[in-house]
């Protein structure tokens, strides 16, 4: 039986993780926050780095996506100074309910 197509190759993803974290640290340390474009690039590279890292660690891309989206939305709320305890609690509730919905939905469809 040919097992070559069955296994996943994590090396390209691991290399992308390293590249995105290096790019994010470079932007964090060397690029001045002079425009909104720099902020969007900063958040996009952070999202990609968090998404890929969490997806590799948890072996679940949905959880990686939800975690990265949660952190980036939390930072955007902090940037606009609307990150109070109520908004953070609502954001946690939304993401937990989405995770639970997909977890329960997948079990019932099997």
C-alpha atoms as a PDB file:
ATOM      1  CA  UNK A   1       0.000   0.000   0.000  1.00  0.00           C
ATOM      2  CA  UNK A   2       1.330   3.431  -0.948  1.00  0.00           C
ATOM      3  CA  UNK A   3       1.534   5.612   2.151  1.00  0.00           C
ATOM      4  CA  UNK A   4       3.145   8.582   0.447  1.00  0.00           C
ATOM      5  CA  UNK A   5      -0.131  10.426  -0.146  1.00  0.00           C
ATOM      6  CA  UNK A   6      -1.575   9.563   3.263  1.00  0.00           C
ATOM      7  CA  UNK A   7       0.849  11.451   5.504  1.00  0.00           C
ATOM      8  CA  UNK A   8       1.035  15.210   5.808  1.00  0.00           C
ATOM      9  CA  UNK A   9       4.219  17.071   5.113  1.00  0.00           C
ATOM     10  CA  UNK A  10       4.596  19.729   7.805  1.00  0.00           C
ATOM     11  CA  UNK A  11       7.964  21.071   6.666  1.00  0.00           C
ATOM     12  CA  UNK A  12       6.577  23.692   4.204  1.00  0.00           C
ATOM     13  CA  UNK A  13       4.141  24.919   6.853  1.00  0.00           C
ATOM     14  CA  UNK A  14       6.880  25.046   9.448  1.00  0.00           C
ATOM     15  CA  UNK A  15       9.040  27.091   7.089  1.00  0.00           C
ATOM     16  CA  UNK A  16       6.132  29.477   6.492  1.00  0.00           C
ATOM     17  CA  UNK A  17       5.662  29.825  10.244  1.00  0.00           C
ATOM     18  CA  UNK A  18       9.304  30.812  10.679  1.00  0.00           C
ATOM     19  CA  UNK A  19       9.134  33.279   7.772  1.00  0.00           C
ATOM     20  CA  UNK A  20       5.955  34.948   9.051  1.00  0.00           C
ATOM     21  CA  UNK A  21       7.282  35.254  12.618  1.00  0.00           C
ATOM     22  CA  UNK A  22      10.557  36.733  11.340  1.00  0.00           C
ATOM     23  CA  UNK A  23       8.646  39.176   9.140  1.00  0.00           C
ATOM     24  CA  UNK A  24       6.380  40.130  12.032  1.00  0.00           C
ATOM     25  CA  UNK A  25       9.334  40.739  14.369  1.00  0.00           C
ATOM     26  CA  UNK A  26      11.052  42.791  11.675  1.00  0.00           C
ATOM     27  CA  UNK A  27       7.952  44.970  11.275  1.00  0.00           C
ATOM     28  CA  UNK A  28       7.588  45.243  15.040  1.00  0.00           C
ATOM     29  CA  UNK A  29      11.182  46.333  15.629  1.00  0.00           C
ATOM     30  CA  UNK A  30      12.218  48.204  12.479  1.00  0.00           C
ATOM     31  CA  UNK A  31       9.179  49.745  10.755  1.00  0.00           C
ATOM     32  CA  UNK A  32       7.724  52.915  12.300  1.00  0.00           C
ATOM     33  CA  UNK A  33       3.921  52.965  12.603  1.00  0.00           C
ATOM     34  CA  UNK A  34       3.494  55.843  10.198  1.00  0.00           C
ATOM     35  CA  UNK A  35       0.379  54.848   8.267  1.00  0.00           C
ATOM     36  CA  UNK A  36      -2.640  52.591   8.299  1.00  0.00           C
ATOM     37  CA  UNK A  37      -1.008  50.408   5.645  1.00  0.00           C
ATOM     38  CA  UNK A  38       1.795  49.531   8.065  1.00  0.00           C
ATOM     39  CA  UNK A  39      -0.807  48.647  10.708  1.00  0.00           C
ATOM     40  CA  UNK A  40      -2.688  46.399   8.261  1.00  0.00           C
ATOM     41  CA  UNK A  41       0.535  44.646   7.196  1.00  0.00           C
ATOM     42  CA  UNK A  42       1.490  44.226  10.868  1.00  0.00           C
ATOM     43  CA  UNK A  43      -1.873  42.654  11.697  1.00  0.00           C
ATOM     44  CA  UNK A  44      -1.894  40.501   8.542  1.00  0.00           C
ATOM     45  CA  UNK A  45       1.525  39.020   9.275  1.00  0.00           C
ATOM     46  CA  UNK A  46       0.550  38.466  12.913  1.00  0.00           C
ATOM     47  CA  UNK A  47      -2.638  36.732  11.772  1.00  0.00           C
ATOM     48  CA  UNK A  48      -0.737  34.468   9.377  1.00  0.00           C
ATOM     49  CA  UNK A  49       1.907  33.622  11.970  1.00  0.00           C
ATOM     50  CA  UNK A  50      -0.638  32.893  14.703  1.00  0.00           C
ATOM     51  CA  UNK A  51      -2.886  30.919  12.360  1.00  0.00           C
ATOM     52  CA  UNK A  52      -0.127  28.669  11.076  1.00  0.00           C
ATOM     53  CA  UNK A  53       1.488  28.223  14.492  1.00  0.00           C
ATOM     54  CA  UNK A  54      -1.748  27.333  16.240  1.00  0.00           C
ATOM     55  CA  UNK A  55      -2.849  25.088  13.383  1.00  0.00           C
ATOM     56  CA  UNK A  56       0.432  23.182  13.619  1.00  0.00           C
ATOM     57  CA  UNK A  57       0.347  22.893  17.400  1.00  0.00           C
ATOM     58  CA  UNK A  58      -3.289  21.834  17.643  1.00  0.00           C
ATOM     59  CA  UNK A  59      -3.307  19.899  14.331  1.00  0.00           C
ATOM     60  CA  UNK A  60      -6.581  21.647  13.570  1.00  0.00           C
ATOM     61  CA  UNK A  61      -6.778  24.520  11.114  1.00  0.00           C
ATOM     62  CA  UNK A  62     -10.229  25.626  12.334  1.00  0.00           C
ATOM     63  CA  UNK A  63      -8.905  26.206  15.843  1.00  0.00           C
ATOM     64  CA  UNK A  64      -5.891  28.003  14.415  1.00  0.00           C
ATOM     65  CA  UNK A  65      -8.170  30.266  12.398  1.00  0.00           C
ATOM     66  CA  UNK A  66     -10.427  31.027  15.341  1.00  0.00           C
ATOM     67  CA  UNK A  67      -7.533  31.728  17.701  1.00  0.00           C
ATOM     68  CA  UNK A  68      -5.716  33.993  15.234  1.00  0.00           C
ATOM     69  CA  UNK A  69      -8.916  35.849  14.376  1.00  0.00           C
ATOM     70  CA  UNK A  70      -9.690  36.315  18.077  1.00  0.00           C
ATOM     71  CA  UNK A  71      -6.266  37.791  18.847  1.00  0.00           C
ATOM     72  CA  UNK A  72      -6.288  40.106  15.824  1.00  0.00           C
ATOM     73  CA  UNK A  73      -9.811  41.324  16.586  1.00  0.00           C
ATOM     74  CA  UNK A  74      -8.775  41.906  20.183  1.00  0.00           C
ATOM     75  CA  UNK A  75      -5.843  44.027  18.997  1.00  0.00           C
ATOM     76  CA  UNK A  76      -8.097  45.972  16.618  1.00  0.00           C
ATOM     77  CA  UNK A  77     -10.498  46.646  19.487  1.00  0.00           C
ATOM     78  CA  UNK A  78      -7.574  47.810  21.600  1.00  0.00           C
ATOM     79  CA  UNK A  79      -6.390  50.081  18.783  1.00  0.00           C
ATOM     80  CA  UNK A  80      -9.802  51.767  18.594  1.00  0.00           C
ATOM     81  CA  UNK A  81      -9.953  51.852  22.422  1.00  0.00           C
ATOM     82  CA  UNK A  82     -13.148  49.801  22.662  1.00  0.00           C
ATOM     83  CA  UNK A  83     -11.607  46.779  24.421  1.00  0.00           C
ATOM     84  CA  UNK A  84     -13.505  46.863  27.695  1.00  0.00           C
ATOM     85  CA  UNK A  85     -14.497  43.850  29.761  1.00  0.00           C
ATOM     86  CA  UNK A  86     -17.956  43.614  28.181  1.00  0.00           C
ATOM     87  CA  UNK A  87     -16.689  43.633  24.589  1.00  0.00           C
ATOM     88  CA  UNK A  88     -13.938  41.140  25.386  1.00  0.00           C
ATOM     89  CA  UNK A  89     -16.483  38.880  27.099  1.00  0.00           C
ATOM     90  CA  UNK A  90     -18.790  39.090  24.091  1.00  0.00           C
ATOM     91  CA  UNK A  91     -15.910  38.271  21.763  1.00  0.00           C
ATOM     92  CA  UNK A  92     -14.948  35.261  23.883  1.00  0.00           C
ATOM     93  CA  UNK A  93     -18.571  34.113  23.894  1.00  0.00           C
ATOM     94  CA  UNK A  94     -18.864  34.407  20.113  1.00  0.00           C
ATOM     95  CA  UNK A  95     -15.691  32.433  19.466  1.00  0.00           C
ATOM     96  CA  UNK A  96     -16.503  29.764  22.038  1.00  0.00           C
ATOM     97  CA  UNK A  97     -19.981  29.296  20.599  1.00  0.00           C
ATOM     98  CA  UNK A  98     -18.579  28.997  17.051  1.00  0.00           C
ATOM     99  CA  UNK A  99     -16.069  26.393  18.249  1.00  0.00           C
ATOM    100  CA  UNK A 100     -18.744  24.444  20.108  1.00  0.00           C
ATOM    101  CA  UNK A 101     -21.122  24.625  17.144  1.00  0.00           C
ATOM    102  CA  UNK A 102     -18.606  23.111  14.758  1.00  0.00           C
ATOM    103  CA  UNK A 103     -17.457  20.533  17.307  1.00  0.00           C
ATOM    104  CA  UNK A 104     -21.007  19.310  18.017  1.00  0.00           C
ATOM    105  CA  UNK A 105     -22.088  19.554  14.352  1.00  0.00           C
ATOM    106  CA  UNK A 106     -19.208  17.352  13.241  1.00  0.00           C
ATOM    107  CA  UNK A 107     -20.009  14.664  15.820  1.00  0.00           C
ATOM    108  CA  UNK A 108     -23.650  14.433  14.739  1.00  0.00           C
ATOM    109  CA  UNK A 109     -22.805  14.175  11.036  1.00  0.00           C
ATOM    110  CA  UNK A 110     -20.583  11.133  11.522  1.00  0.00           C
END
